[in-house]
Amino acid sequence: MEPENGNPCGVGTSDSETVYTRDNPGIEETSDDEKIEECFICHKKFNINADDSSHYHYGKYPMCSYCSDFYGFYR
């Protein structure tokens, strides 16, 4: 009996379109204009490409808009 999603073993499949990059498996990419990161301070997932104050702190650590505004780290 084969699962509905077409994968005979049913391992590693899901209904979402989440793709992990090869260089950094902790980064999720859902489309070209949306890049989901996890804030290194509060561990909340957010879109780093959103038009807000979210950014990479020191060019390396993803920081959400809330933490960026709260802690005063600006680009």
PDB file of N, CA and C in Angstrom:
ATOM      1  N   MET A   1       0.840  -1.176   0.000  1.00  0.00           N
ATOM      2  CA  MET A   1       0.000   0.000   0.000  1.00  0.00           C
ATOM      3  C   MET A   1       0.888   1.244   0.000  1.00  0.00           C
ATOM      4  N   GLU A   2       0.709   2.105  -0.980  1.00  0.00           N
ATOM      5  CA  GLU A   2       1.542   3.279  -1.142  1.00  0.00           C
ATOM      6  C   GLU A   2       0.853   4.509  -0.545  1.00  0.00           C
ATOM      7  N   PRO A   3       1.594   5.370   0.186  1.00  0.00           N
ATOM      8  CA  PRO A   3       1.001   6.574   0.753  1.00  0.00           C
ATOM      9  C   PRO A   3       0.450   7.497  -0.328  1.00  0.00           C
ATOM     10  N   GLU A   4      -0.433   8.409   0.058  1.00  0.00           N
ATOM     11  CA  GLU A   4      -1.076   9.320  -0.880  1.00  0.00           C
ATOM     12  C   GLU A   4      -0.104  10.277  -1.558  1.00  0.00           C
ATOM     13  N   ASN A   5       0.986  10.632  -0.901  1.00  0.00           N
ATOM     14  CA  ASN A   5       1.900  11.614  -1.453  1.00  0.00           C
ATOM     15  C   ASN A   5       2.823  11.044  -2.530  1.00  0.00           C
ATOM     16  N   GLY A   6       2.748   9.764  -2.830  1.00  0.00           N
ATOM     17  CA  GLY A   6       3.524   9.173  -3.908  1.00  0.00           C
ATOM     18  C   GLY A   6       4.881   8.657  -3.502  1.00  0.00           C
ATOM     19  N   ASN A   7       5.322   8.906  -2.285  1.00  0.00           N
ATOM     20  CA  ASN A   7       6.602   8.418  -1.814  1.00  0.00           C
ATOM     21  C   ASN A   7       6.377   7.038  -1.193  1.00  0.00           C
ATOM     22  N   PRO A   8       6.946   5.971  -1.762  1.00  0.00           N
ATOM     23  CA  PRO A   8       6.660   4.631  -1.268  1.00  0.00           C
ATOM     24  C   PRO A   8       7.097   4.395   0.175  1.00  0.00           C
ATOM     25  N   CYS A   9       8.149   5.040   0.631  1.00  0.00           N
ATOM     26  CA  CYS A   9       8.591   4.819   2.007  1.00  0.00           C
ATOM     27  C   CYS A   9       7.952   5.815   2.970  1.00  0.00           C
ATOM     28  N   GLY A  10       7.470   6.955   2.464  1.00  0.00           N
ATOM     29  CA  GLY A  10       6.801   7.941   3.305  1.00  0.00           C
ATOM     30  C   GLY A  10       7.733   8.721   4.214  1.00  0.00           C
ATOM     31  N   VAL A  11       9.041   8.596   4.034  1.00  0.00           N
ATOM     32  CA  VAL A  11      10.010   9.280   4.883  1.00  0.00           C
ATOM     33  C   VAL A  11      10.423  10.594   4.241  1.00  0.00           C
ATOM     34  N   GLY A  12      10.505  11.630   5.044  1.00  0.00           N
ATOM     35  CA  GLY A  12      11.023  12.914   4.581  1.00  0.00           C
ATOM     36  C   GLY A  12      10.063  13.702   3.734  1.00  0.00           C
ATOM     37  N   THR A  13       8.796  13.403   3.823  1.00  0.00           N
ATOM     38  CA  THR A  13       7.821  14.154   3.051  1.00  0.00           C
ATOM     39  C   THR A  13       6.916  14.918   3.981  1.00  0.00           C
ATOM     40  N   SER A  14       6.427  16.023   3.494  1.00  0.00           N
ATOM     41  CA  SER A  14       5.456  16.809   4.246  1.00  0.00           C
ATOM     42  C   SER A  14       4.621  17.595   3.257  1.00  0.00           C
ATOM     43  N   ASP A  15       3.554  18.193   3.750  1.00  0.00           N
ATOM     44  CA  ASP A  15       2.686  18.974   2.889  1.00  0.00           C
ATOM     45  C   ASP A  15       3.250  20.362   2.620  1.00  0.00           C
ATOM     46  N   SER A  16       4.167  20.851   3.455  1.00  0.00           N
ATOM     47  CA  SER A  16       4.715  22.190   3.264  1.00  0.00           C
ATOM     48  C   SER A  16       5.795  22.171   2.191  1.00  0.00           C
ATOM     49  N   GLU A  17       6.134  23.359   1.717  1.00  0.00           N
ATOM     50  CA  GLU A  17       7.131  23.509   0.664  1.00  0.00           C
ATOM     51  C   GLU A  17       8.476  23.940   1.236  1.00  0.00           C
ATOM     52  N   THR A  18       8.753  23.657   2.491  1.00  0.00           N
ATOM     53  CA  THR A  18       9.977  24.083   3.155  1.00  0.00           C
ATOM     54  C   THR A  18      11.175  23.337   2.588  1.00  0.00           C
ATOM     55  N   VAL A  19      12.206  24.098   2.245  1.00  0.00           N
ATOM     56  CA  VAL A  19      13.440  23.529   1.720  1.00  0.00           C
ATOM     57  C   VAL A  19      14.583  24.045   2.571  1.00  0.00           C
ATOM     58  N   TYR A  20      15.440  23.162   3.022  1.00  0.00           N
ATOM     59  CA  TYR A  20      16.604  23.577   3.798  1.00  0.00           C
ATOM     60  C   TYR A  20      17.789  23.728   2.856  1.00  0.00           C
ATOM     61  N   THR A  21      18.545  24.791   3.041  1.00  0.00           N
ATOM     62  CA  THR A  21      19.703  25.007   2.183  1.00  0.00           C
ATOM     63  C   THR A  21      20.824  24.059   2.566  1.00  0.00           C
ATOM     64  N   ARG A  22      21.690  23.772   1.616  1.00  0.00           N
ATOM     65  CA  ARG A  22      22.785  22.842   1.857  1.00  0.00           C
ATOM     66  C   ARG A  22      23.863  23.469   2.740  1.00  0.00           C
ATOM     67  N   ASP A  23      24.105  24.770   2.558  1.00  0.00           N
ATOM     68  CA  ASP A  23      25.160  25.443   3.308  1.00  0.00           C
ATOM     69  C   ASP A  23      24.816  25.603   4.785  1.00  0.00           C
ATOM     70  N   ASN A  24      23.566  25.876   5.083  1.00  0.00           N
ATOM     71  CA  ASN A  24      23.142  26.067   6.464  1.00  0.00           C
ATOM     72  C   ASN A  24      21.797  25.381   6.666  1.00  0.00           C
ATOM     73  N   PRO A  25      21.787  24.160   7.203  1.00  0.00           N
ATOM     74  CA  PRO A  25      20.533  23.422   7.336  1.00  0.00           C
ATOM     75  C   PRO A  25      19.552  24.043   8.315  1.00  0.00           C
ATOM     76  N   GLY A  26      19.947  25.024   9.111  1.00  0.00           N
ATOM     77  CA  GLY A  26      19.041  25.673  10.035  1.00  0.00           C
ATOM     78  C   GLY A  26      18.210  26.768   9.393  1.00  0.00           C
ATOM     79  N   ILE A  27      18.533  27.119   8.156  1.00  0.00           N
ATOM     80  CA  ILE A  27      17.812  28.169   7.453  1.00  0.00           C
ATOM     81  C   ILE A  27      16.755  27.519   6.570  1.00  0.00           C
ATOM     82  N   GLU A  28      15.533  27.979   6.708  1.00  0.00           N
ATOM     83  CA  GLU A  28      14.453  27.483   5.867  1.00  0.00           C
ATOM     84  C   GLU A  28      14.179  28.495   4.770  1.00  0.00           C
ATOM     85  N   GLU A  29      13.935  28.009   3.558  1.00  0.00           N
ATOM     86  CA  GLU A  29      13.531  28.878   2.471  1.00  0.00           C
ATOM     87  C   GLU A  29      12.209  28.372   1.934  1.00  0.00           C
ATOM     88  N   THR A  30      11.199  29.241   1.883  1.00  0.00           N
ATOM     89  CA  THR A  30       9.902  28.828   1.393  1.00  0.00           C
ATOM     90  C   THR A  30       9.619  29.368   0.005  1.00  0.00           C
ATOM     91  N   SER A  31      10.247  30.450  -0.400  1.00  0.00           N
ATOM     92  CA  SER A  31      10.140  30.980  -1.747  1.00  0.00           C
ATOM     93  C   SER A  31      11.314  31.929  -1.967  1.00  0.00           C
ATOM     94  N   ASP A  32      11.382  32.507  -3.178  1.00  0.00           N
ATOM     95  CA  ASP A  32      12.504  33.378  -3.503  1.00  0.00           C
ATOM     96  C   ASP A  32      12.508  34.671  -2.685  1.00  0.00           C
ATOM     97  N   ASP A  33      11.333  35.207  -2.379  1.00  0.00           N
ATOM     98  CA  ASP A  33      11.283  36.474  -1.675  1.00  0.00           C
ATOM     99  C   ASP A  33      11.080  36.326  -0.170  1.00  0.00           C
ATOM    100  N   GLU A  34      10.979  35.100   0.317  1.00  0.00           N
ATOM    101  CA  GLU A  34      10.798  34.867   1.746  1.00  0.00           C
ATOM    102  C   GLU A  34      11.884  33.924   2.245  1.00  0.00           C
ATOM    103  N   LYS A  35      12.636  34.365   3.242  1.00  0.00           N
ATOM    104  CA  LYS A  35      13.698  33.545   3.815  1.00  0.00           C
ATOM    105  C   LYS A  35      13.453  33.470   5.320  1.00  0.00           C
ATOM    106  N   ILE A  36      13.096  32.295   5.790  1.00  0.00           N
ATOM    107  CA  ILE A  36      12.757  32.105   7.193  1.00  0.00           C
ATOM    108  C   ILE A  36      14.018  31.794   7.986  1.00  0.00           C
ATOM    109  N   GLU A  37      14.263  32.584   9.006  1.00  0.00           N
ATOM    110  CA  GLU A  37      15.408  32.415   9.892  1.00  0.00           C
ATOM    111  C   GLU A  37      14.886  32.249  11.315  1.00  0.00           C
ATOM    112  N   GLU A  38      15.770  31.847  12.222  1.00  0.00           N
ATOM    113  CA  GLU A  38      15.445  31.767  13.643  1.00  0.00           C
ATOM    114  C   GLU A  38      16.322  32.767  14.377  1.00  0.00           C
ATOM    115  N   CYS A  39      15.682  33.681  15.123  1.00  0.00           N
ATOM    116  CA  CYS A  39      16.399  34.720  15.845  1.00  0.00           C
ATOM    117  C   CYS A  39      17.354  34.080  16.858  1.00  0.00           C
ATOM    118  N   PHE A  40      18.599  34.553  16.878  1.00  0.00           N
ATOM    119  CA  PHE A  40      19.571  33.951  17.783  1.00  0.00           C
ATOM    120  C   PHE A  40      19.370  34.389  19.228  1.00  0.00           C
ATOM    121  N   ILE A  41      18.500  35.372  19.482  1.00  0.00           N
ATOM    122  CA  ILE A  41      18.225  35.800  20.849  1.00  0.00           C
ATOM    123  C   ILE A  41      16.954  35.145  21.390  1.00  0.00           C
ATOM    124  N   CYS A  42      15.830  35.304  20.683  1.00  0.00           N
ATOM    125  CA  CYS A  42      14.547  34.800  21.198  1.00  0.00           C
ATOM    126  C   CYS A  42      14.102  33.490  20.557  1.00  0.00           C
ATOM    127  N   HIS A  43      14.802  33.032  19.532  1.00  0.00           N
ATOM    128  CA  HIS A  43      14.528  31.769  18.824  1.00  0.00           C
ATOM    129  C   HIS A  43      13.175  31.750  18.125  1.00  0.00           C
ATOM    130  N   LYS A  44      12.649  32.926  17.800  1.00  0.00           N
ATOM    131  CA  LYS A  44      11.407  33.029  17.047  1.00  0.00           C
ATOM    132  C   LYS A  44      11.734  32.960  15.562  1.00  0.00           C
ATOM    133  N   LYS A  45      10.921  32.238  14.787  1.00  0.00           N
ATOM    134  CA  LYS A  45      11.129  32.162  13.342  1.00  0.00           C
ATOM    135  C   LYS A  45      10.509  33.393  12.694  1.00  0.00           C
ATOM    136  N   PHE A  46      11.223  33.976  11.726  1.00  0.00           N
ATOM    137  CA  PHE A  46      10.765  35.199  11.081  1.00  0.00           C
ATOM    138  C   PHE A  46      11.323  35.261   9.668  1.00  0.00           C
ATOM    139  N   ASN A  47      10.767  36.145   8.862  1.00  0.00           N
ATOM    140  CA  ASN A  47      11.217  36.362   7.493  1.00  0.00           C
ATOM    141  C   ASN A  47      12.294  37.446   7.504  1.00  0.00           C
ATOM    142  N   ILE A  48      13.506  37.071   7.196  1.00  0.00           N
ATOM    143  CA  ILE A  48      14.626  38.022   7.222  1.00  0.00           C
ATOM    144  C   ILE A  48      14.506  39.047   6.092  1.00  0.00           C
ATOM    145  N   ASN A  49      13.786  38.713   5.025  1.00  0.00           N
ATOM    146  CA  ASN A  49      13.637  39.618   3.889  1.00  0.00           C
ATOM    147  C   ASN A  49      12.469  40.584   4.046  1.00  0.00           C
ATOM    148  N   ALA A  50      11.756  40.540   5.162  1.00  0.00           N
ATOM    149  CA  ALA A  50      10.629  41.451   5.374  1.00  0.00           C
ATOM    150  C   ALA A  50      11.141  42.884   5.492  1.00  0.00           C
ATOM    151  N   ASP A  51      10.277  43.816   5.169  1.00  0.00           N
ATOM    152  CA  ASP A  51      10.657  45.228   5.207  1.00  0.00           C
ATOM    153  C   ASP A  51      10.491  45.762   6.629  1.00  0.00           C
ATOM    154  N   ASP A  52      11.393  45.375   7.509  1.00  0.00           N
ATOM    155  CA  ASP A  52      11.392  45.826   8.895  1.00  0.00           C
ATOM    156  C   ASP A  52      12.843  45.907   9.363  1.00  0.00           C
ATOM    157  N   SER A  53      13.089  45.971  10.637  1.00  0.00           N
ATOM    158  CA  SER A  53      14.468  46.122  11.128  1.00  0.00           C
ATOM    159  C   SER A  53      15.172  44.787  11.383  1.00  0.00           C
ATOM    160  N   SER A  54      14.602  43.672  10.912  1.00  0.00           N
ATOM    161  CA  SER A  54      15.293  42.391  11.054  1.00  0.00           C
ATOM    162  C   SER A  54      16.533  42.394  10.157  1.00  0.00           C
ATOM    163  N   HIS A  55      17.595  41.792  10.646  1.00  0.00           N
ATOM    164  CA  HIS A  55      18.855  41.797   9.891  1.00  0.00           C
ATOM    165  C   HIS A  55      19.800  40.743  10.469  1.00  0.00           C
ATOM    166  N   TYR A  56      20.955  40.600   9.812  1.00  0.00           N
ATOM    167  CA  TYR A  56      22.023  39.740  10.336  1.00  0.00           C
ATOM    168  C   TYR A  56      22.937  40.606  11.200  1.00  0.00           C
ATOM    169  N   HIS A  57      22.982  40.322  12.495  1.00  0.00           N
ATOM    170  CA  HIS A  57      23.837  41.066  13.412  1.00  0.00           C
ATOM    171  C   HIS A  57      25.276  40.622  13.203  1.00  0.00           C
ATOM    172  N   TYR A  58      26.176  41.544  13.049  1.00  0.00           N
ATOM    173  CA  TYR A  58      27.577  41.286  12.698  1.00  0.00           C
ATOM    174  C   TYR A  58      27.698  40.503  11.396  1.00  0.00           C
ATOM    175  N   GLY A  59      26.664  40.591  10.545  1.00  0.00           N
ATOM    176  CA  GLY A  59      26.693  39.907   9.259  1.00  0.00           C
ATOM    177  C   GLY A  59      26.553  38.405   9.349  1.00  0.00           C
ATOM    178  N   LYS A  60      26.318  37.864  10.547  1.00  0.00           N
ATOM    179  CA  LYS A  60      26.300  36.420  10.724  1.00  0.00           C
ATOM    180  C   LYS A  60      25.086  35.901  11.483  1.00  0.00           C
ATOM    181  N   TYR A  61      24.644  36.624  12.499  1.00  0.00           N
ATOM    182  CA  TYR A  61      23.606  36.137  13.400  1.00  0.00           C
ATOM    183  C   TYR A  61      22.255  36.758  13.049  1.00  0.00           C
ATOM    184  N   PRO A  62      21.242  35.949  12.690  1.00  0.00           N
ATOM    185  CA  PRO A  62      19.934  36.513  12.353  1.00  0.00           C
ATOM    186  C   PRO A  62      19.245  37.088  13.588  1.00  0.00           C
ATOM    187  N   MET A  63      18.699  38.287  13.436  1.00  0.00           N
ATOM    188  CA  MET A  63      18.025  38.952  14.543  1.00  0.00           C
ATOM    189  C   MET A  63      16.676  39.463  14.050  1.00  0.00           C
ATOM    190  N   CYS A  64      15.600  39.097  14.762  1.00  0.00           N
ATOM    191  CA  CYS A  64      14.251  39.508  14.367  1.00  0.00           C
ATOM    192  C   CYS A  64      14.058  41.005  14.608  1.00  0.00           C
ATOM    193  N   SER A  65      12.993  41.527  14.059  1.00  0.00           N
ATOM    194  CA  SER A  65      12.697  42.945  14.181  1.00  0.00           C
ATOM    195  C   SER A  65      12.478  43.358  15.633  1.00  0.00           C
ATOM    196  N   TYR A  66      11.763  42.533  16.398  1.00  0.00           N
ATOM    197  CA  TYR A  66      11.490  42.867  17.797  1.00  0.00           C
ATOM    198  C   TYR A  66      12.785  42.989  18.595  1.00  0.00           C
ATOM    199  N   CYS A  67      13.660  41.992  18.497  1.00  0.00           N
ATOM    200  CA  CYS A  67      14.918  42.031  19.250  1.00  0.00           C
ATOM    201  C   CYS A  67      15.816  43.152  18.767  1.00  0.00           C
ATOM    202  N   SER A  68      15.802  43.397  17.468  1.00  0.00           N
ATOM    203  CA  SER A  68      16.606  44.480  16.918  1.00  0.00           C
ATOM    204  C   SER A  68      16.167  45.821  17.483  1.00  0.00           C
ATOM    205  N   ASP A  69      14.850  46.036  17.554  1.00  0.00           N
ATOM    206  CA  ASP A  69      14.330  47.285  18.113  1.00  0.00           C
ATOM    207  C   ASP A  69      14.526  47.348  19.631  1.00  0.00           C
ATOM    208  N   PHE A  70      14.285  46.238  20.305  1.00  0.00           N
ATOM    209  CA  PHE A  70      14.369  46.217  21.767  1.00  0.00           C
ATOM    210  C   PHE A  70      15.789  46.426  22.269  1.00  0.00           C
ATOM    211  N   TYR A  71      16.741  45.725  21.675  1.00  0.00           N
ATOM    212  CA  TYR A  71      18.131  45.814  22.132  1.00  0.00           C
ATOM    213  C   TYR A  71      18.907  46.954  21.484  1.00  0.00           C
ATOM    214  N   GLY A  72      18.321  47.586  20.496  1.00  0.00           N
ATOM    215  CA  GLY A  72      18.954  48.756  19.891  1.00  0.00           C
ATOM    216  C   GLY A  72      20.043  48.441  18.886  1.00  0.00           C
ATOM    217  N   PHE A  73      20.079  47.241  18.373  1.00  0.00           N
ATOM    218  CA  PHE A  73      21.061  46.908  17.338  1.00  0.00           C
ATOM    219  C   PHE A  73      20.472  47.277  15.996  1.00  0.00           C
ATOM    220  N   TYR A  74      21.051  48.239  15.361  1.00  0.00           N
ATOM    221  CA  TYR A  74      20.560  48.687  14.043  1.00  0.00           C
ATOM    222  C   TYR A  74      21.632  48.438  13.007  1.00  0.00           C
ATOM    223  N   ARG A  75      21.211  48.420  11.794  1.00  0.00           N
ATOM    224  CA  ARG A  75      22.116  48.134  10.667  1.00  0.00           C
ATOM    225  C   ARG A  75      23.206  49.108  10.615  1.00  0.00           C
TER     226      ARG A  75
END
